[in-house]
Amino acid sequence: MKDNKIPIDQLINETLNNNIFKAIGDAMSIQDTNFKILYQNEQAKKIIGNHIGELCYKAFEHRDNICEGCPLAASFRDGKVRTLERRNPSKKDLTVEITTSAIRDSTGKIIAGIEVVRDITKRKRSEEVREGLMLELKDKLAQVKTLKGFLPVCSSCNKVRDDKDNWSNFDVYIRDHFETEITHGYCPDCVSKHFLTDDKNIF
């Protein structure tokens, strides 16, 4: 019986001749089932360097074994497409989204895998900044809510009591709880009462 299996090198070359791969703007590599890197496009070399012929877990993350939760390993096991976000331990400022899928020979056996890596560092930074702003806003709103209840004020000296039963001057309370400084001036009624005589403005 004639063996119709296509050699892995030939299958890889046929895969790379597909114009779809030439149009991919993300980093892409092809690895065999032992995680040896068989191919990298120019974008992959730009992001992580040229590591063709090396084991991916050693080249990319300086490990002695495959990475925990490796999406390509999962694709090798079940043939499904997998996606994972990962921060590169050797490049702390690099966060990537990895999508993997299996390459099969003519018999359906998985013989290699494609790994597409998208640099999402800027997006993750924006998300972290947005999350920080949301937390800050929630904190400010929580502080503002304290004004919706009763605010104990001394009838004699106008000091304010906080939730820990400490008394402080009104302007100090406002400063400490709302990051607002109290400034002083005169309203129009007080200007008229105290500074205007005989209908003549002293200013």
N, C-alpha and C. Protein backbone atom coordinates (compact mmCIF):
# COMPACT_ATOMS: atom_id res chain seq x y z
N MET A 1 0.85 -1.20 0.00
CA MET A 1 0.00 0.00 0.00
C MET A 1 0.87 1.24 0.00
N LYS A 2 0.56 2.14 -0.86
CA LYS A 2 1.36 3.35 -1.01
C LYS A 2 1.10 4.32 0.15
N ASP A 3 2.17 4.89 0.70
CA ASP A 3 2.07 5.85 1.81
C ASP A 3 1.82 7.25 1.24
N ASN A 4 0.65 7.82 1.59
CA ASN A 4 0.27 9.14 1.06
C ASN A 4 0.64 10.28 2.01
N LYS A 5 1.40 10.01 3.06
CA LYS A 5 1.78 11.05 4.00
C LYS A 5 2.69 12.07 3.34
N ILE A 6 2.43 13.33 3.61
CA ILE A 6 3.28 14.40 3.10
C ILE A 6 4.33 14.72 4.15
N PRO A 7 5.62 14.76 3.79
CA PRO A 7 6.66 15.11 4.76
C PRO A 7 6.37 16.45 5.41
N ILE A 8 6.73 16.58 6.69
CA ILE A 8 6.41 17.80 7.44
C ILE A 8 7.00 19.04 6.78
N ASP A 9 8.24 18.94 6.25
CA ASP A 9 8.86 20.10 5.61
C ASP A 9 8.05 20.57 4.40
N GLN A 10 7.55 19.59 3.63
CA GLN A 10 6.76 19.93 2.45
C GLN A 10 5.43 20.55 2.87
N LEU A 11 4.83 20.00 3.92
CA LEU A 11 3.56 20.53 4.39
C LEU A 11 3.71 21.96 4.92
N ILE A 12 4.81 22.20 5.62
CA ILE A 12 5.07 23.54 6.13
C ILE A 12 5.25 24.52 4.97
N ASN A 13 6.03 24.12 3.96
CA ASN A 13 6.26 24.99 2.81
C ASN A 13 4.96 25.30 2.08
N GLU A 14 4.10 24.29 1.94
CA GLU A 14 2.81 24.52 1.28
C GLU A 14 1.95 25.47 2.10
N THR A 15 2.02 25.33 3.42
CA THR A 15 1.27 26.21 4.31
C THR A 15 1.75 27.65 4.16
N LEU A 16 3.07 27.83 4.11
CA LEU A 16 3.63 29.18 4.03
C LEU A 16 3.38 29.83 2.68
N ASN A 17 3.15 29.03 1.64
CA ASN A 17 2.88 29.58 0.32
C ASN A 17 1.47 30.17 0.22
N ASN A 18 0.65 29.90 1.24
CA ASN A 18 -0.70 30.45 1.25
C ASN A 18 -0.61 31.97 1.47
N ASN A 19 -1.28 32.73 0.61
CA ASN A 19 -1.21 34.19 0.69
C ASN A 19 -1.78 34.76 1.99
N ILE A 20 -2.62 33.97 2.67
CA ILE A 20 -3.20 34.44 3.93
C ILE A 20 -2.09 34.73 4.93
N PHE A 21 -1.11 33.86 4.99
CA PHE A 21 -0.02 34.03 5.95
C PHE A 21 0.85 35.22 5.61
N LYS A 22 0.97 35.53 4.35
CA LYS A 22 1.75 36.69 3.95
C LYS A 22 1.07 37.98 4.37
N ALA A 23 -0.26 37.94 4.50
CA ALA A 23 -1.02 39.15 4.84
C ALA A 23 -1.13 39.38 6.35
N ILE A 24 -0.73 38.40 7.16
CA ILE A 24 -0.86 38.53 8.61
C ILE A 24 0.11 39.59 9.13
N GLY A 25 -0.42 40.57 9.86
CA GLY A 25 0.43 41.63 10.41
C GLY A 25 0.95 41.32 11.80
N ASP A 26 0.42 40.26 12.42
CA ASP A 26 0.87 39.87 13.76
C ASP A 26 2.06 38.92 13.64
N ALA A 27 2.74 38.72 14.78
CA ALA A 27 3.84 37.77 14.82
C ALA A 27 3.29 36.36 14.67
N MET A 28 3.96 35.53 13.85
CA MET A 28 3.50 34.17 13.63
C MET A 28 4.68 33.21 13.58
N SER A 29 4.50 32.05 14.20
CA SER A 29 5.53 31.01 14.13
C SER A 29 4.85 29.66 13.93
N ILE A 30 5.64 28.72 13.42
CA ILE A 30 5.19 27.33 13.27
C ILE A 30 6.14 26.46 14.07
N GLN A 31 5.57 25.57 14.88
CA GLN A 31 6.37 24.70 15.73
C GLN A 31 5.95 23.25 15.55
N ASP A 32 6.91 22.32 15.64
CA ASP A 32 6.54 20.92 15.58
C ASP A 32 6.00 20.49 16.95
N THR A 33 5.60 19.22 17.08
CA THR A 33 4.95 18.76 18.31
C THR A 33 5.92 18.64 19.48
N ASN A 34 7.19 18.85 19.22
CA ASN A 34 8.18 18.91 20.31
C ASN A 34 8.49 20.37 20.68
N PHE A 35 7.73 21.30 20.09
CA PHE A 35 7.85 22.74 20.35
C PHE A 35 9.13 23.35 19.76
N LYS A 36 9.68 22.67 18.77
CA LYS A 36 10.81 23.23 18.04
C LYS A 36 10.28 24.23 17.01
N ILE A 37 10.88 25.42 16.98
CA ILE A 37 10.42 26.48 16.07
C ILE A 37 10.92 26.20 14.66
N LEU A 38 9.98 26.00 13.74
CA LEU A 38 10.33 25.70 12.35
C LEU A 38 10.32 26.94 11.47
N TYR A 39 9.52 27.92 11.87
CA TYR A 39 9.37 29.13 11.04
C TYR A 39 8.94 30.30 11.92
N GLN A 40 9.44 31.50 11.58
CA GLN A 40 8.98 32.75 12.17
C GLN A 40 8.84 33.78 11.06
N ASN A 41 7.75 34.55 11.09
CA ASN A 41 7.67 35.64 10.12
C ASN A 41 8.47 36.83 10.64
N GLU A 42 8.57 37.86 9.82
CA GLU A 42 9.42 39.01 10.18
C GLU A 42 8.92 39.73 11.44
N GLN A 43 7.59 39.78 11.62
CA GLN A 43 7.05 40.44 12.80
C GLN A 43 7.42 39.69 14.08
N ALA A 44 7.43 38.35 14.01
CA ALA A 44 7.82 37.54 15.18
C ALA A 44 9.29 37.79 15.52
N LYS A 45 10.13 37.86 14.50
CA LYS A 45 11.56 38.12 14.73
C LYS A 45 11.76 39.50 15.34
N LYS A 46 10.92 40.45 14.92
CA LYS A 46 11.03 41.82 15.42
C LYS A 46 10.67 41.90 16.90
N ILE A 47 9.64 41.18 17.30
CA ILE A 47 9.17 41.24 18.68
C ILE A 47 10.07 40.46 19.63
N ILE A 48 10.43 39.25 19.25
CA ILE A 48 11.11 38.36 20.21
C ILE A 48 12.48 37.89 19.73
N GLY A 49 12.84 38.20 18.47
CA GLY A 49 14.13 37.76 17.94
C GLY A 49 14.01 36.50 17.10
N ASN A 50 15.04 36.21 16.33
CA ASN A 50 15.06 35.02 15.46
C ASN A 50 15.49 33.80 16.27
N HIS A 51 14.56 32.85 16.43
CA HIS A 51 14.85 31.66 17.23
C HIS A 51 14.52 30.37 16.47
N ILE A 52 14.58 30.43 15.16
CA ILE A 52 14.28 29.24 14.35
C ILE A 52 15.26 28.12 14.71
N GLY A 53 14.72 26.93 14.94
CA GLY A 53 15.54 25.78 15.30
C GLY A 53 15.63 25.56 16.81
N GLU A 54 15.15 26.53 17.60
CA GLU A 54 15.19 26.42 19.06
C GLU A 54 13.84 25.95 19.60
N LEU A 55 13.85 25.48 20.84
CA LEU A 55 12.60 25.14 21.52
C LEU A 55 11.95 26.42 22.01
N CYS A 56 10.65 26.56 21.77
CA CYS A 56 9.99 27.84 22.04
C CYS A 56 10.04 28.23 23.51
N TYR A 57 9.84 27.27 24.42
CA TYR A 57 9.82 27.64 25.84
C TYR A 57 11.18 28.08 26.35
N LYS A 58 12.24 27.60 25.73
CA LYS A 58 13.58 28.06 26.09
C LYS A 58 13.88 29.41 25.45
N ALA A 59 13.48 29.55 24.18
CA ALA A 59 13.78 30.77 23.44
C ALA A 59 12.98 31.97 23.95
N PHE A 60 11.70 31.76 24.22
CA PHE A 60 10.81 32.88 24.56
C PHE A 60 10.77 33.19 26.05
N GLU A 61 10.81 32.14 26.90
CA GLU A 61 10.63 32.37 28.33
C GLU A 61 11.74 31.76 29.19
N HIS A 62 12.79 31.27 28.55
CA HIS A 62 13.96 30.75 29.25
C HIS A 62 13.60 29.66 30.27
N ARG A 63 12.73 28.76 29.87
CA ARG A 63 12.30 27.65 30.72
C ARG A 63 12.95 26.36 30.27
N ASP A 64 12.94 25.37 31.16
CA ASP A 64 13.44 24.04 30.82
C ASP A 64 12.33 23.10 30.37
N ASN A 65 11.09 23.49 30.60
CA ASN A 65 9.93 22.69 30.20
C ASN A 65 8.88 23.62 29.61
N ILE A 66 7.87 23.02 28.98
CA ILE A 66 6.83 23.84 28.36
C ILE A 66 6.13 24.69 29.41
N CYS A 67 5.65 25.85 29.00
CA CYS A 67 5.05 26.82 29.92
C CYS A 67 3.73 26.28 30.48
N GLU A 68 3.43 26.67 31.71
CA GLU A 68 2.16 26.30 32.32
C GLU A 68 1.02 26.94 31.53
N GLY A 69 0.01 26.15 31.24
CA GLY A 69 -1.15 26.66 30.50
C GLY A 69 -0.85 26.96 29.04
N CYS A 70 0.20 26.37 28.49
CA CYS A 70 0.59 26.63 27.10
C CYS A 70 -0.58 26.34 26.16
N PRO A 71 -1.04 27.34 25.40
CA PRO A 71 -2.18 27.12 24.50
C PRO A 71 -1.83 26.20 23.33
N LEU A 72 -0.56 26.22 22.89
CA LEU A 72 -0.17 25.34 21.78
C LEU A 72 -0.21 23.88 22.22
N ALA A 73 0.23 23.61 23.46
CA ALA A 73 0.17 22.24 23.99
C ALA A 73 -1.28 21.76 24.01
N ALA A 74 -2.20 22.65 24.37
CA ALA A 74 -3.62 22.30 24.40
C ALA A 74 -4.13 22.01 22.99
N SER A 75 -3.67 22.82 22.01
CA SER A 75 -4.07 22.58 20.61
C SER A 75 -3.53 21.25 20.10
N PHE A 76 -2.32 20.88 20.53
CA PHE A 76 -1.75 19.59 20.15
C PHE A 76 -2.58 18.44 20.72
N ARG A 77 -3.15 18.63 21.91
CA ARG A 77 -3.91 17.57 22.56
C ARG A 77 -5.27 17.34 21.90
N ASP A 78 -5.99 18.44 21.59
CA ASP A 78 -7.36 18.25 21.11
C ASP A 78 -7.63 18.85 19.73
N GLY A 79 -6.64 19.53 19.15
CA GLY A 79 -6.82 20.08 17.81
C GLY A 79 -7.64 21.34 17.74
N LYS A 80 -8.04 21.89 18.91
CA LYS A 80 -8.89 23.08 18.93
C LYS A 80 -8.05 24.37 18.92
N VAL A 81 -8.68 25.45 18.47
CA VAL A 81 -8.04 26.77 18.49
C VAL A 81 -8.08 27.29 19.93
N ARG A 82 -6.97 27.79 20.41
CA ARG A 82 -6.88 28.30 21.78
C ARG A 82 -6.36 29.74 21.77
N THR A 83 -6.82 30.54 22.73
CA THR A 83 -6.36 31.92 22.87
C THR A 83 -6.03 32.20 24.33
N LEU A 84 -4.92 32.89 24.55
CA LEU A 84 -4.46 33.18 25.91
C LEU A 84 -3.73 34.51 25.94
N GLU A 85 -3.96 35.30 27.00
CA GLU A 85 -3.18 36.52 27.23
C GLU A 85 -2.04 36.18 28.17
N ARG A 86 -0.86 36.72 27.88
CA ARG A 86 0.31 36.37 28.69
C ARG A 86 1.29 37.53 28.76
N ARG A 87 1.83 37.77 29.95
CA ARG A 87 2.90 38.77 30.12
C ARG A 87 4.22 38.03 30.09
N ASN A 88 5.09 38.41 29.16
CA ASN A 88 6.36 37.71 28.98
C ASN A 88 7.28 37.96 30.18
N PRO A 89 7.71 36.89 30.88
CA PRO A 89 8.56 37.08 32.06
C PRO A 89 9.93 37.65 31.77
N SER A 90 10.44 37.46 30.56
CA SER A 90 11.76 37.99 30.22
C SER A 90 11.68 39.42 29.70
N LYS A 91 10.46 39.85 29.32
CA LYS A 91 10.23 41.22 28.88
C LYS A 91 8.99 41.72 29.62
N LYS A 92 9.20 42.24 30.83
CA LYS A 92 8.10 42.59 31.72
C LYS A 92 7.13 43.60 31.10
N ASP A 93 7.63 44.41 30.17
CA ASP A 93 6.77 45.44 29.58
C ASP A 93 6.02 44.93 28.36
N LEU A 94 6.11 43.61 28.08
CA LEU A 94 5.47 43.05 26.89
C LEU A 94 4.32 42.13 27.31
N THR A 95 3.11 42.47 26.88
CA THR A 95 1.94 41.61 27.09
C THR A 95 1.41 41.22 25.72
N VAL A 96 1.14 39.93 25.54
CA VAL A 96 0.72 39.44 24.23
C VAL A 96 -0.55 38.60 24.34
N GLU A 97 -1.25 38.54 23.22
CA GLU A 97 -2.39 37.63 23.08
C GLU A 97 -1.95 36.53 22.12
N ILE A 98 -1.97 35.29 22.58
CA ILE A 98 -1.49 34.16 21.79
C ILE A 98 -2.68 33.33 21.30
N THR A 99 -2.73 33.08 20.00
CA THR A 99 -3.76 32.20 19.42
C THR A 99 -3.06 31.05 18.71
N THR A 100 -3.46 29.83 19.04
CA THR A 100 -2.80 28.66 18.47
C THR A 100 -3.80 27.74 17.76
N SER A 101 -3.31 27.03 16.78
CA SER A 101 -4.12 26.03 16.08
C SER A 101 -3.20 24.94 15.55
N ALA A 102 -3.77 23.78 15.30
CA ALA A 102 -2.99 22.61 14.89
C ALA A 102 -2.89 22.50 13.37
N ILE A 103 -1.77 21.92 12.92
CA ILE A 103 -1.58 21.57 11.51
C ILE A 103 -1.60 20.05 11.41
N ARG A 104 -2.41 19.53 10.52
CA ARG A 104 -2.55 18.08 10.37
C ARG A 104 -1.99 17.62 9.02
N ASP A 105 -1.54 16.36 8.98
CA ASP A 105 -1.10 15.80 7.69
C ASP A 105 -2.32 15.22 6.98
N SER A 106 -2.10 14.55 5.87
CA SER A 106 -3.21 14.05 5.05
C SER A 106 -4.01 12.96 5.75
N THR A 107 -3.44 12.36 6.77
CA THR A 107 -4.16 11.32 7.53
C THR A 107 -4.94 11.91 8.70
N GLY A 108 -4.77 13.21 8.94
CA GLY A 108 -5.46 13.84 10.06
C GLY A 108 -4.63 13.91 11.32
N LYS A 109 -3.41 13.38 11.27
CA LYS A 109 -2.55 13.41 12.45
C LYS A 109 -1.97 14.82 12.65
N ILE A 110 -1.97 15.29 13.89
CA ILE A 110 -1.39 16.59 14.20
C ILE A 110 0.13 16.47 14.17
N ILE A 111 0.76 17.27 13.32
CA ILE A 111 2.21 17.18 13.17
C ILE A 111 2.93 18.50 13.52
N ALA A 112 2.16 19.57 13.66
CA ALA A 112 2.76 20.87 13.98
C ALA A 112 1.66 21.82 14.43
N GLY A 113 2.06 23.03 14.78
CA GLY A 113 1.08 24.01 15.22
C GLY A 113 1.46 25.41 14.79
N ILE A 114 0.46 26.24 14.60
CA ILE A 114 0.67 27.65 14.26
C ILE A 114 0.38 28.49 15.50
N GLU A 115 1.28 29.42 15.78
CA GLU A 115 1.10 30.31 16.93
C GLU A 115 1.13 31.75 16.43
N VAL A 116 0.03 32.47 16.63
CA VAL A 116 -0.06 33.87 16.24
C VAL A 116 -0.02 34.71 17.51
N VAL A 117 0.91 35.66 17.55
CA VAL A 117 1.12 36.47 18.75
C VAL A 117 0.86 37.94 18.43
N ARG A 118 -0.07 38.53 19.17
CA ARG A 118 -0.42 39.95 18.97
C ARG A 118 0.06 40.75 20.18
N ASP A 119 0.80 41.81 19.93
CA ASP A 119 1.28 42.69 21.00
C ASP A 119 0.11 43.55 21.49
N ILE A 120 -0.34 43.31 22.74
CA ILE A 120 -1.47 44.06 23.29
C ILE A 120 -1.02 44.92 24.49
N THR A 121 0.28 45.22 24.55
CA THR A 121 0.83 45.97 25.68
C THR A 121 0.13 47.31 25.87
N LYS A 122 -0.02 48.08 24.80
CA LYS A 122 -0.66 49.39 24.91
C LYS A 122 -2.10 49.27 25.37
N ARG A 123 -2.80 48.27 24.85
CA ARG A 123 -4.20 48.07 25.24
C ARG A 123 -4.32 47.72 26.72
N LYS A 124 -3.43 46.85 27.20
CA LYS A 124 -3.46 46.45 28.61
C LYS A 124 -3.13 47.62 29.52
N ARG A 125 -2.17 48.46 29.09
CA ARG A 125 -1.84 49.65 29.88
C ARG A 125 -3.04 50.58 29.98
N SER A 126 -3.74 50.76 28.86
CA SER A 126 -4.93 51.62 28.86
C SER A 126 -6.00 51.05 29.77
N GLU A 127 -6.17 49.72 29.75
CA GLU A 127 -7.15 49.08 30.61
C GLU A 127 -6.79 49.26 32.08
N GLU A 128 -5.49 49.14 32.40
CA GLU A 128 -5.05 49.30 33.78
C GLU A 128 -5.26 50.73 34.26
N VAL A 129 -4.98 51.71 33.37
CA VAL A 129 -5.21 53.11 33.73
C VAL A 129 -6.70 53.36 33.96
N ARG A 130 -7.53 52.80 33.06
CA ARG A 130 -8.98 52.97 33.19
C ARG A 130 -9.50 52.34 34.47
N GLU A 131 -9.00 51.14 34.80
CA GLU A 131 -9.41 50.48 36.03
C GLU A 131 -9.00 51.29 37.26
N GLY A 132 -7.79 51.88 37.20
CA GLY A 132 -7.33 52.72 38.31
C GLY A 132 -8.22 53.94 38.49
N LEU A 133 -8.61 54.55 37.36
CA LEU A 133 -9.48 55.72 37.43
C LEU A 133 -10.86 55.35 37.97
N MET A 134 -11.34 54.16 37.58
CA MET A 134 -12.64 53.72 38.07
C MET A 134 -12.61 53.48 39.57
N LEU A 135 -11.53 52.89 40.07
CA LEU A 135 -11.39 52.66 41.51
C LEU A 135 -11.33 53.99 42.26
N GLU A 136 -10.59 54.95 41.68
CA GLU A 136 -10.48 56.27 42.29
C GLU A 136 -11.84 56.97 42.32
N LEU A 137 -12.60 56.82 41.22
CA LEU A 137 -13.92 57.43 41.15
C LEU A 137 -14.86 56.80 42.17
N LYS A 138 -14.81 55.47 42.31
CA LYS A 138 -15.65 54.79 43.30
C LYS A 138 -15.32 55.26 44.70
N ASP A 139 -14.03 55.46 44.95
CA ASP A 139 -13.60 55.93 46.27
C ASP A 139 -14.14 57.35 46.53
N LYS A 140 -14.08 58.19 45.51
CA LYS A 140 -14.58 59.56 45.66
C LYS A 140 -16.09 59.56 45.88
N LEU A 141 -16.79 58.69 45.14
CA LEU A 141 -18.24 58.61 45.30
C LEU A 141 -18.62 58.11 46.69
N ALA A 142 -17.81 57.18 47.20
CA ALA A 142 -18.07 56.67 48.55
C ALA A 142 -17.91 57.79 49.58
N GLN A 143 -16.94 58.67 49.35
CA GLN A 143 -16.75 59.80 50.25
C GLN A 143 -17.90 60.79 50.14
N VAL A 144 -18.37 61.04 48.92
CA VAL A 144 -19.46 61.98 48.72
C VAL A 144 -20.73 61.47 49.39
N LYS A 145 -20.93 60.15 49.41
CA LYS A 145 -22.13 59.57 50.01
C LYS A 145 -22.24 59.89 51.50
N THR A 146 -21.11 60.18 52.15
CA THR A 146 -21.17 60.48 53.58
C THR A 146 -21.96 61.76 53.84
N LEU A 147 -22.08 62.62 52.81
CA LEU A 147 -22.83 63.86 52.99
C LEU A 147 -24.33 63.65 52.86
N LYS A 148 -24.76 62.47 52.40
CA LYS A 148 -26.18 62.21 52.23
C LYS A 148 -26.86 61.93 53.57
N GLY A 149 -26.08 61.51 54.58
CA GLY A 149 -26.65 61.25 55.89
C GLY A 149 -26.57 62.50 56.76
N PHE A 150 -26.59 62.29 58.07
CA PHE A 150 -26.46 63.40 59.00
C PHE A 150 -24.99 63.71 59.24
N LEU A 151 -24.67 64.98 59.28
CA LEU A 151 -23.32 65.43 59.57
C LEU A 151 -23.35 66.16 60.92
N PRO A 152 -22.86 65.50 62.00
CA PRO A 152 -22.94 66.13 63.33
C PRO A 152 -22.04 67.36 63.43
N VAL A 153 -22.65 68.50 63.74
CA VAL A 153 -21.93 69.76 63.88
C VAL A 153 -22.25 70.34 65.26
N CYS A 154 -21.22 70.75 65.97
CA CYS A 154 -21.41 71.36 67.30
C CYS A 154 -22.18 72.68 67.17
N SER A 155 -23.23 72.82 67.96
CA SER A 155 -24.05 74.03 67.90
C SER A 155 -23.32 75.27 68.41
N SER A 156 -22.26 75.04 69.18
CA SER A 156 -21.55 76.18 69.76
C SER A 156 -20.36 76.62 68.91
N CYS A 157 -19.46 75.66 68.65
CA CYS A 157 -18.22 76.04 67.96
C CYS A 157 -18.17 75.61 66.49
N ASN A 158 -19.21 74.89 66.04
CA ASN A 158 -19.31 74.43 64.64
C ASN A 158 -18.27 73.38 64.25
N LYS A 159 -17.66 72.68 65.22
CA LYS A 159 -16.78 71.57 64.87
C LYS A 159 -17.62 70.40 64.37
N VAL A 160 -16.97 69.54 63.56
CA VAL A 160 -17.67 68.42 62.95
C VAL A 160 -17.17 67.11 63.55
N ARG A 161 -18.12 66.18 63.81
CA ARG A 161 -17.75 64.87 64.34
C ARG A 161 -17.69 63.86 63.20
N ASP A 162 -16.55 63.11 63.09
CA ASP A 162 -16.45 62.11 62.04
C ASP A 162 -16.97 60.77 62.54
N ASP A 163 -16.86 59.72 61.69
CA ASP A 163 -17.41 58.42 62.04
C ASP A 163 -16.61 57.70 63.12
N LYS A 164 -15.48 58.28 63.54
CA LYS A 164 -14.68 57.70 64.63
C LYS A 164 -14.83 58.51 65.92
N ASP A 165 -15.85 59.36 65.94
CA ASP A 165 -16.15 60.21 67.09
C ASP A 165 -15.07 61.23 67.40
N ASN A 166 -14.29 61.59 66.40
CA ASN A 166 -13.31 62.66 66.56
C ASN A 166 -13.91 63.98 66.08
N TRP A 167 -13.64 65.05 66.83
CA TRP A 167 -14.16 66.36 66.46
C TRP A 167 -13.05 67.20 65.82
N SER A 168 -13.37 67.86 64.75
CA SER A 168 -12.38 68.72 64.08
C SER A 168 -13.09 69.94 63.50
N ASN A 169 -12.30 70.96 63.22
CA ASN A 169 -12.86 72.15 62.60
C ASN A 169 -13.49 71.81 61.26
N PHE A 170 -14.53 72.53 60.91
CA PHE A 170 -15.26 72.26 59.68
C PHE A 170 -14.35 72.26 58.46
N ASP A 171 -13.48 73.28 58.37
CA ASP A 171 -12.61 73.37 57.19
C ASP A 171 -11.60 72.22 57.16
N VAL A 172 -11.15 71.75 58.32
CA VAL A 172 -10.24 70.61 58.38
C VAL A 172 -10.95 69.34 57.93
N TYR A 173 -12.20 69.17 58.38
CA TYR A 173 -12.99 68.00 57.99
C TYR A 173 -13.17 67.94 56.48
N ILE A 174 -13.54 69.08 55.90
CA ILE A 174 -13.74 69.12 54.45
C ILE A 174 -12.44 68.82 53.71
N ARG A 175 -11.34 69.39 54.20
CA ARG A 175 -10.04 69.17 53.56
C ARG A 175 -9.65 67.70 53.59
N ASP A 176 -9.80 67.06 54.76
CA ASP A 176 -9.35 65.67 54.93
C ASP A 176 -10.24 64.67 54.21
N HIS A 177 -11.54 64.96 54.09
CA HIS A 177 -12.46 64.00 53.49
C HIS A 177 -12.72 64.23 52.02
N PHE A 178 -12.49 65.42 51.51
CA PHE A 178 -12.84 65.71 50.13
C PHE A 178 -11.72 66.38 49.35
N GLU A 179 -10.52 66.45 49.96
CA GLU A 179 -9.38 67.06 49.29
C GLU A 179 -9.72 68.46 48.77
N THR A 180 -10.45 69.19 49.59
CA THR A 180 -10.88 70.54 49.22
C THR A 180 -10.46 71.52 50.30
N GLU A 181 -9.82 72.59 49.91
CA GLU A 181 -9.42 73.63 50.85
C GLU A 181 -10.51 74.70 50.95
N ILE A 182 -10.80 75.13 52.17
CA ILE A 182 -11.80 76.17 52.39
C ILE A 182 -11.12 77.54 52.24
N THR A 183 -11.71 78.41 51.45
CA THR A 183 -11.24 79.80 51.35
C THR A 183 -12.36 80.71 51.85
N HIS A 184 -12.01 81.90 52.26
CA HIS A 184 -12.99 82.79 52.86
C HIS A 184 -13.19 84.05 52.03
N GLY A 185 -14.41 84.53 52.06
CA GLY A 185 -14.77 85.76 51.37
C GLY A 185 -16.06 86.29 51.98
N TYR A 186 -16.73 87.21 51.31
CA TYR A 186 -17.98 87.78 51.81
C TYR A 186 -19.06 87.65 50.75
N CYS A 187 -20.22 87.24 51.20
CA CYS A 187 -21.35 87.20 50.30
C CYS A 187 -21.88 88.62 50.11
N PRO A 188 -22.70 88.86 49.07
CA PRO A 188 -23.23 90.22 48.83
C PRO A 188 -24.00 90.80 50.02
N ASP A 189 -24.76 89.96 50.74
CA ASP A 189 -25.53 90.47 51.89
C ASP A 189 -24.60 91.00 52.97
N CYS A 190 -23.52 90.25 53.26
CA CYS A 190 -22.59 90.68 54.31
C CYS A 190 -21.79 91.90 53.88
N VAL A 191 -21.49 92.00 52.60
CA VAL A 191 -20.81 93.19 52.10
C VAL A 191 -21.69 94.41 52.34
N SER A 192 -22.99 94.28 52.04
CA SER A 192 -23.92 95.39 52.24
C SER A 192 -24.07 95.73 53.70
N LYS A 193 -24.09 94.69 54.55
CA LYS A 193 -24.33 94.90 55.98
C LYS A 193 -23.13 95.51 56.69
N HIS A 194 -21.93 95.07 56.34
CA HIS A 194 -20.75 95.44 57.11
C HIS A 194 -19.85 96.48 56.45
N PHE A 195 -19.92 96.62 55.14
CA PHE A 195 -18.95 97.46 54.46
C PHE A 195 -19.56 98.64 53.71
N LEU A 196 -20.87 98.64 53.58
CA LEU A 196 -21.50 99.74 52.86
C LEU A 196 -22.22 100.65 53.85
N THR A 197 -21.88 101.93 53.84
CA THR A 197 -22.55 102.91 54.71
C THR A 197 -23.05 104.09 53.87
N ASP A 198 -24.24 104.55 54.20
CA ASP A 198 -24.84 105.67 53.47
C ASP A 198 -24.88 105.41 51.97
N ASP A 199 -25.15 104.13 51.66
CA ASP A 199 -25.26 103.74 50.25
C ASP A 199 -23.99 104.02 49.45
N LYS A 200 -22.85 104.14 50.13
CA LYS A 200 -21.59 104.34 49.42
C LYS A 200 -20.71 103.13 49.61
N ASN A 201 -20.23 102.59 48.53
CA ASN A 201 -19.35 101.45 48.55
C ASN A 201 -17.95 101.89 48.94
N ILE A 202 -17.40 101.31 50.03
CA ILE A 202 -16.07 101.73 50.48
C ILE A 202 -14.96 101.19 49.57
N PHE A 203 -15.31 100.23 48.65
CA PHE A 203 -14.27 99.68 47.78
C PHE A 203 -14.01 100.62 46.61
